[in-house]
C-alpha atoms as a PDB file:
ATOM      1  CA  MET A   1     -76.745  42.768  47.429  1.00  0.00           C
ATOM      2  CA  ILE A   2     -74.560  39.798  45.826  1.00  0.00           C
ATOM      3  CA  ARG A   3     -73.406  37.592  48.013  1.00  0.00           C
ATOM      4  CA  PRO A   4     -69.655  37.016  48.200  1.00  0.00           C
ATOM      5  CA  GLY A   5     -69.506  33.422  47.397  1.00  0.00           C
ATOM      6  CA  ILE A   6     -71.049  33.512  44.109  1.00  0.00           C
ATOM      7  CA  ALA A   7     -68.933  36.893  43.219  1.00  0.00           C
ATOM      8  CA  ARG A   8     -66.217  35.183  44.167  1.00  0.00           C
ATOM      9  CA  GLY A   9     -67.504  31.996  41.754  1.00  0.00           C
ATOM     10  CA  VAL A  10     -68.136  34.095  38.960  1.00  0.00           C
ATOM     11  CA  LEU A  11     -64.312  36.045  39.018  1.00  0.00           C
ATOM     12  CA  VAL A  12     -63.165  32.190  39.315  1.00  0.00           C
ATOM     13  CA  SER A  13     -64.937  31.609  36.160  1.00  0.00           C
ATOM     14  CA  THR A  14     -64.709  34.457  34.644  1.00  0.00           C
ATOM     15  CA  THR A  15     -60.491  34.057  35.592  1.00  0.00           C
ATOM     16  CA  VAL A  16     -60.409  30.304  33.882  1.00  0.00           C
ATOM     17  CA  ALA A  17     -62.344  31.134  31.141  1.00  0.00           C
ATOM     18  CA  LEU A  18     -59.704  34.080  30.098  1.00  0.00           C
ATOM     19  CA  ALA A  19     -57.511  31.231  30.821  1.00  0.00           C
ATOM     20  CA  VAL A  20     -58.569  29.187  28.576  1.00  0.00           C
ATOM     21  CA  VAL A  21     -59.230  31.216  25.844  1.00  0.00           C
ATOM     22  CA  VAL A  22     -55.177  32.666  26.388  1.00  0.00           C
ATOM     23  CA  VAL A  23     -54.163  28.943  26.106  1.00  0.00           C
ATOM     24  CA  ALA A  24     -56.473  28.245  23.548  1.00  0.00           C
ATOM     25  CA  GLY A  25     -54.382  31.178  21.166  1.00  0.00           C
ATOM     26  CA  SER A  26     -51.328  30.244  22.428  1.00  0.00           C
ATOM     27  CA  GLN A  27     -51.750  27.140  21.292  1.00  0.00           C
ATOM     28  CA  ASP A  28     -53.371  28.091  17.255  1.00  0.00           C
ATOM     29  CA  ALA A  29     -50.401  30.922  17.542  1.00  0.00           C
ATOM     30  CA  THR A  30     -48.114  28.000  17.463  1.00  0.00           C
ATOM     31  CA  GLU A  31     -49.845  25.268  15.099  1.00  0.00           C
ATOM     32  CA  ARG A  32     -49.333  28.421  12.660  1.00  0.00           C
ATOM     33  CA  SER A  33     -45.372  28.677  13.353  1.00  0.00           C
ATOM     34  CA  SER A  34     -44.939  25.185  12.887  1.00  0.00           C
ATOM     35  CA  GLU A  35     -46.941  25.521   9.571  1.00  0.00           C
ATOM     36  CA  GLN A  36     -44.892  28.389   8.407  1.00  0.00           C
ATOM     37  CA  LEU A  37     -41.336  26.677   9.581  1.00  0.00           C
ATOM     38  CA  VAL A  38     -42.435  23.550   7.874  1.00  0.00           C
ATOM     39  CA  GLN A  39     -43.414  25.334   4.864  1.00  0.00           C
ATOM     40  CA  ARG A  40     -40.107  27.213   4.493  1.00  0.00           C
ATOM     41  CA  ALA A  41     -38.110  24.280   5.411  1.00  0.00           C
ATOM     42  CA  ALA A  42     -39.661  22.292   2.215  1.00  0.00           C
ATOM     43  CA  GLN A  43     -39.059  25.186   0.137  1.00  0.00           C
ATOM     44  CA  ALA A  44     -35.648  25.459   1.044  1.00  0.00           C
ATOM     45  CA  ALA A  45     -34.963  21.619   0.798  1.00  0.00           C
ATOM     46  CA  PRO A  46     -32.604  20.447  -1.922  1.00  0.00           C
ATOM     47  CA  PRO A  47     -34.332  18.608  -4.800  1.00  0.00           C
ATOM     48  CA  PRO A  48     -35.333  15.083  -4.507  1.00  0.00           C
ATOM     49  CA  VAL A  49     -32.155  12.684  -5.310  1.00  0.00           C
ATOM     50  CA  ASP A  50     -34.080  11.303  -8.788  1.00  0.00           C
ATOM     51  CA  SER A  51     -34.350  14.476  -9.906  1.00  0.00           C
ATOM     52  CA  PHE A  52     -30.772  15.738  -9.555  1.00  0.00           C
ATOM     53  CA  ARG A  53     -29.054  17.014 -12.944  1.00  0.00           C
ATOM     54  CA  SER A  54     -25.669  17.713 -12.643  1.00  0.00           C
ATOM     55  CA  VAL A  55     -24.602  21.810 -14.504  1.00  0.00           C
ATOM     56  CA  ARG A  56     -21.052  20.038 -15.295  1.00  0.00           C
ATOM     57  CA  SER A  57     -20.407  18.366 -18.722  1.00  0.00           C
ATOM     58  CA  TYR A  58     -17.572  16.360 -19.777  1.00  0.00           C
ATOM     59  CA  ASP A  59     -16.171  15.392 -23.003  1.00  0.00           C
ATOM     60  CA  GLY A  60     -16.298  11.947 -24.076  1.00  0.00           C
ATOM     61  CA  VAL A  61     -13.396   9.845 -24.867  1.00  0.00           C
ATOM     62  CA  ALA A  62     -13.366   7.222 -27.565  1.00  0.00           C
ATOM     63  CA  GLU A  63     -12.463   4.056 -27.802  1.00  0.00           C
ATOM     64  CA  PRO A  64      -9.296   2.756 -28.426  1.00  0.00           C
ATOM     65  CA  VAL A  65      -8.475   0.904 -31.365  1.00  0.00           C
ATOM     66  CA  ARG A  66      -4.695   0.759 -31.912  1.00  0.00           C
ATOM     67  CA  LEU A  67      -1.658   0.387 -29.034  1.00  0.00           C
ATOM     68  CA  ARG A  68       2.336   1.395 -30.185  1.00  0.00           C
ATOM     69  CA  ILE A  69       4.883   0.878 -28.141  1.00  0.00           C
ATOM     70  CA  PRO A  70       8.201   1.905 -30.365  1.00  0.00           C
ATOM     71  CA  ALA A  71      10.653   1.038 -27.448  1.00  0.00           C
ATOM     72  CA  ALA A  72       8.835  -2.673 -27.817  1.00  0.00           C
ATOM     73  CA  GLY A  73       8.290  -2.764 -31.254  1.00  0.00           C
ATOM     74  CA  VAL A  74       4.719  -3.224 -30.466  1.00  0.00           C
ATOM     75  CA  ASP A  75       2.223  -1.934 -33.255  1.00  0.00           C
ATOM     76  CA  THR A  76      -1.229  -3.670 -33.261  1.00  0.00           C
ATOM     77  CA  PRO A  77      -5.183  -3.571 -33.357  1.00  0.00           C
ATOM     78  CA  LEU A  78      -6.924  -3.725 -29.796  1.00  0.00           C
ATOM     79  CA  GLN A  79      -9.722  -5.998 -29.417  1.00  0.00           C
ATOM     80  CA  ARG A  80     -12.410  -5.396 -26.935  1.00  0.00           C
ATOM     81  CA  LEU A  81     -12.458  -7.903 -23.928  1.00  0.00           C
ATOM     82  CA  GLY A  82     -15.063  -8.347 -21.509  1.00  0.00           C
ATOM     83  CA  ARG A  83     -15.420 -11.030 -19.029  1.00  0.00           C
ATOM     84  CA  SER A  84     -15.164 -15.053 -19.158  1.00  0.00           C
ATOM     85  CA  VAL A  85     -17.859 -16.835 -17.335  1.00  0.00           C
ATOM     86  CA  ASP A  86     -16.280 -16.983 -14.014  1.00  0.00           C
ATOM     87  CA  LEU A  87     -15.994 -13.471 -14.213  1.00  0.00           C
ATOM     88  CA  SER A  88     -12.313 -13.362 -14.872  1.00  0.00           C
ATOM     89  CA  ILE A  89     -10.828 -11.215 -17.817  1.00  0.00           C
ATOM     90  CA  ASP A  90     -10.829 -12.588 -20.941  1.00  0.00           C
ATOM     91  CA  VAL A  91      -7.499 -12.828 -22.926  1.00  0.00           C
ATOM     92  CA  PRO A  92      -7.201 -11.400 -26.569  1.00  0.00           C
ATOM     93  CA  THR A  93      -8.491 -14.872 -28.705  1.00  0.00           C
ATOM     94  CA  ASP A  94      -5.281 -13.772 -31.162  1.00  0.00           C
ATOM     95  CA  PHE A  95      -1.885 -13.893 -29.649  1.00  0.00           C
ATOM     96  CA  GLY A  96      -0.255 -11.107 -32.204  1.00  0.00           C
ATOM     97  CA  VAL A  97      -3.459  -9.236 -30.554  1.00  0.00           C
ATOM     98  CA  ALA A  98      -3.578  -7.097 -27.685  1.00  0.00           C
ATOM     99  CA  GLY A  99      -6.980  -6.800 -25.820  1.00  0.00           C
ATOM    100  CA  TRP A 100      -8.621  -3.677 -23.832  1.00  0.00           C
ATOM    101  CA  PHE A 101     -10.569  -4.346 -20.894  1.00  0.00           C
ATOM    102  CA  ALA A 102     -13.872  -2.557 -22.338  1.00  0.00           C
ATOM    103  CA  GLU A 103     -15.874  -2.632 -18.926  1.00  0.00           C
ATOM    104  CA  GLY A 104     -13.281  -0.605 -17.822  1.00  0.00           C
ATOM    105  CA  PRO A 105     -11.907   3.430 -18.048  1.00  0.00           C
ATOM    106  CA  ARG A 106     -10.511   3.845 -21.602  1.00  0.00           C
ATOM    107  CA  PRO A 107      -7.531   5.617 -22.472  1.00  0.00           C
ATOM    108  CA  GLY A 108      -7.325   8.908 -21.114  1.00  0.00           C
ATOM    109  CA  GLN A 109     -10.726   9.203 -18.828  1.00  0.00           C
ATOM    110  CA  SER A 110     -10.331   9.297 -14.904  1.00  0.00           C
ATOM    111  CA  GLY A 111      -8.752   5.466 -14.104  1.00  0.00           C
ATOM    112  CA  PRO A 112      -6.901   3.183 -15.227  1.00  0.00           C
ATOM    113  CA  ALA A 113      -7.571   1.442 -18.621  1.00  0.00           C
ATOM    114  CA  VAL A 114      -5.971  -1.801 -18.493  1.00  0.00           C
ATOM    115  CA  ILE A 115      -4.334  -3.618 -22.236  1.00  0.00           C
ATOM    116  CA  LEU A 116      -3.650  -7.427 -21.626  1.00  0.00           C
ATOM    117  CA  GLY A 117      -1.679  -9.243 -24.558  1.00  0.00           C
ATOM    118  CA  HIS A 118       0.320 -12.774 -24.813  1.00  0.00           C
ATOM    119  CA  VAL A 119       3.543 -13.061 -24.254  1.00  0.00           C
ATOM    120  CA  ASP A 120       3.825 -16.025 -26.452  1.00  0.00           C
ATOM    121  CA  SER A 121       2.707 -18.926 -28.101  1.00  0.00           C
ATOM    122  CA  ARG A 122       3.388 -22.450 -29.142  1.00  0.00           C
ATOM    123  CA  THR A 123       5.338 -20.666 -32.662  1.00  0.00           C
ATOM    124  CA  GLY A 124       6.817 -17.644 -30.889  1.00  0.00           C
ATOM    125  CA  PRO A 125       6.763 -14.478 -29.749  1.00  0.00           C
ATOM    126  CA  GLY A 126       3.080 -12.868 -29.325  1.00  0.00           C
ATOM    127  CA  VAL A 127       1.997  -9.239 -28.925  1.00  0.00           C
ATOM    128  CA  PHE A 128       3.806  -8.582 -25.565  1.00  0.00           C
ATOM    129  CA  TYR A 129       6.929 -10.181 -25.660  1.00  0.00           C
ATOM    130  CA  GLY A 130       9.331  -7.232 -24.789  1.00  0.00           C
ATOM    131  CA  LEU A 131       6.939  -6.506 -22.202  1.00  0.00           C
ATOM    132  CA  ALA A 132       9.346  -7.128 -19.059  1.00  0.00           C
ATOM    133  CA  ARG A 133      12.267  -5.260 -20.568  1.00  0.00           C
ATOM    134  CA  LEU A 134      10.508  -1.680 -21.663  1.00  0.00           C
ATOM    135  CA  PRO A 135      12.194   0.555 -19.849  1.00  0.00           C
ATOM    136  CA  VAL A 136      10.891   3.546 -17.197  1.00  0.00           C
ATOM    137  CA  GLY A 137      10.162   6.357 -19.766  1.00  0.00           C
ATOM    138  CA  ALA A 138       9.352   4.261 -22.702  1.00  0.00           C
ATOM    139  CA  GLU A 139       6.383   5.965 -24.385  1.00  0.00           C
ATOM    140  CA  VAL A 140       3.241   4.516 -24.826  1.00  0.00           C
ATOM    141  CA  LEU A 141       0.729   5.750 -27.414  1.00  0.00           C
ATOM    142  CA  VAL A 142      -3.121   4.784 -27.890  1.00  0.00           C
ATOM    143  CA  ASP A 143      -4.538   5.515 -30.636  1.00  0.00           C
ATOM    144  CA  ARG A 144      -8.678   6.350 -30.870  1.00  0.00           C
ATOM    145  CA  ALA A 145     -11.507   5.776 -32.651  1.00  0.00           C
ATOM    146  CA  ASP A 146     -11.834   9.585 -33.082  1.00  0.00           C
ATOM    147  CA  GLY A 147      -8.563   9.667 -34.480  1.00  0.00           C
ATOM    148  CA  SER A 148      -6.484  11.478 -31.237  1.00  0.00           C
ATOM    149  CA  THR A 149      -3.936   9.574 -29.408  1.00  0.00           C
ATOM    150  CA  ALA A 150      -3.700   8.967 -25.901  1.00  0.00           C
ATOM    151  CA  GLY A 151       0.037   9.612 -24.851  1.00  0.00           C
ATOM    152  CA  PHE A 152       1.485   7.523 -21.329  1.00  0.00           C
ATOM    153  CA  ARG A 153       4.782   7.071 -20.043  1.00  0.00           C
ATOM    154  CA  VAL A 154       5.867   4.090 -18.354  1.00  0.00           C
ATOM    155  CA  SER A 155       6.742   5.191 -14.496  1.00  0.00           C
ATOM    156  CA  ARG A 156       6.880   1.730 -13.169  1.00  0.00           C
ATOM    157  CA  LYS A 157       7.076  -2.117 -13.669  1.00  0.00           C
ATOM    158  CA  LEU A 158       6.290  -5.297 -11.508  1.00  0.00           C
ATOM    159  CA  ARG A 159       6.339  -8.782 -11.834  1.00  0.00           C
ATOM    160  CA  VAL A 160       4.598 -10.625  -9.449  1.00  0.00           C
ATOM    161  CA  PRO A 161       3.166 -14.258  -9.119  1.00  0.00           C
ATOM    162  CA  LYS A 162      -0.348 -14.972 -10.772  1.00  0.00           C
ATOM    163  CA  ALA A 163      -1.796 -16.571  -7.382  1.00  0.00           C
ATOM    164  CA  ARG A 164      -0.862 -13.228  -5.896  1.00  0.00           C
ATOM    165  CA  PHE A 165      -1.969 -11.114  -8.149  1.00  0.00           C
ATOM    166  CA  PRO A 166      -2.395  -6.901  -7.194  1.00  0.00           C
ATOM    167  CA  THR A 167      -6.207  -6.652  -8.125  1.00  0.00           C
ATOM    168  CA  GLU A 168      -6.519  -3.003  -6.138  1.00  0.00           C
ATOM    169  CA  LEU A 169      -3.348  -1.813  -7.825  1.00  0.00           C
ATOM    170  CA  VAL A 170      -4.444  -3.099 -11.539  1.00  0.00           C
ATOM    171  CA  TYR A 171      -8.290  -2.463 -11.612  1.00  0.00           C
ATOM    172  CA  GLY A 172      -8.656   0.148  -8.731  1.00  0.00           C
ATOM    173  CA  PRO A 173     -10.133   3.796  -8.997  1.00  0.00           C
ATOM    174  CA  THR A 174      -7.211   6.398 -10.042  1.00  0.00           C
ATOM    175  CA  LEU A 175      -8.462  10.192  -9.899  1.00  0.00           C
ATOM    176  CA  GLU A 176      -5.746  10.867 -12.641  1.00  0.00           C
ATOM    177  CA  PRO A 177      -6.064   8.530 -16.253  1.00  0.00           C
ATOM    178  CA  SER A 178      -3.645   5.814 -16.138  1.00  0.00           C
ATOM    179  CA  LEU A 179      -2.769   2.554 -17.851  1.00  0.00           C
ATOM    180  CA  ARG A 180      -2.181  -0.636 -17.344  1.00  0.00           C
ATOM    181  CA  LEU A 181      -0.264  -3.670 -19.346  1.00  0.00           C
ATOM    182  CA  VAL A 182      -0.533  -6.850 -18.409  1.00  0.00           C
ATOM    183  CA  THR A 183       0.893  -9.970 -19.702  1.00  0.00           C
ATOM    184  CA  CYS A 184       2.644 -13.062 -18.588  1.00  0.00           C
ATOM    185  CA  GLY A 185       5.963 -13.305 -16.988  1.00  0.00           C
ATOM    186  CA  GLY A 186       8.519 -15.603 -15.119  1.00  0.00           C
ATOM    187  CA  SER A 187       9.231 -19.614 -15.246  1.00  0.00           C
ATOM    188  CA  PHE A 188       6.907 -21.411 -17.111  1.00  0.00           C
ATOM    189  CA  ASP A 189       4.781 -24.296 -15.450  1.00  0.00           C
ATOM    190  CA  LYS A 190       4.439 -27.156 -17.767  1.00  0.00           C
ATOM    191  CA  THR A 191       2.374 -28.842 -15.209  1.00  0.00           C
ATOM    192  CA  ILE A 192      -0.396 -26.248 -16.024  1.00  0.00           C
ATOM    193  CA  GLY A 193       0.545 -24.854 -19.535  1.00  0.00           C
ATOM    194  CA  SER A 194       1.116 -21.512 -18.281  1.00  0.00           C
ATOM    195  CA  TYR A 195       3.736 -18.919 -16.899  1.00  0.00           C
ATOM    196  CA  ARG A 196       3.533 -18.596 -12.676  1.00  0.00           C
ATOM    197  CA  ASP A 197       4.095 -14.655 -13.183  1.00  0.00           C
ATOM    198  CA  ASN A 198       2.178 -11.726 -14.464  1.00  0.00           C
ATOM    199  CA  VAL A 199       4.238  -8.181 -15.630  1.00  0.00           C
ATOM    200  CA  ILE A 200       2.718  -5.078 -15.229  1.00  0.00           C
ATOM    201  CA  VAL A 201       3.209  -1.682 -16.170  1.00  0.00           C
ATOM    202  CA  TYR A 202       2.333   0.978 -14.972  1.00  0.00           C
ATOM    203  CA  ALA A 203       1.867   4.460 -17.274  1.00  0.00           C
ATOM    204  CA  ASP A 204       1.016   7.544 -16.649  1.00  0.00           C
ATOM    205  CA  PRO A 205      -0.204  10.381 -18.856  1.00  0.00           C
ATOM    206  CA  LEU A 206       2.594  12.297 -20.852  1.00  0.00           C
ATOM    207  CA  PRO A 207       2.479  16.256 -19.356  1.00  0.00           C
END
């Protein structure tokens, strides 16, 4: 005859053992489920940024080599312009030649292509002498190295003091191709030997 106390002890021990087995089995199942979820997530995750390659392609735009503005009598080769030591944009070395800022977009690419030119020199008019009188609607043509031409039409003009030059409006990014022509204007300051203002011409692509 088994004493009740012993039977109860065996029953309790058996119950605890079964509970341990059940709990351990649940933990194993949970861990396996978690591992499966991690594996699935890893398989579904996008590739690392370093390995991304766009499936789209874009046509390249050749460098600009010549600028023509019939209404202003402008027909000039284009000099490539970089930056000076102080990080300001260089100006053309020849007063009769315009320059394209080569660190910015090329004419016809998305964004503002910027072309600079002198208004005059000690010896006479510069390449952009007639820029301030260029009418809205005038055509601006940029010939490129591959023989193609990017056409633009003047949309507006602006004259601003050099001290308040609107950098963002000239060099700030745009979604569509655009063109900026920049020269000096306003009155001449003899003390510093420079004009007080800048003339900025904005042009949009021809339809």
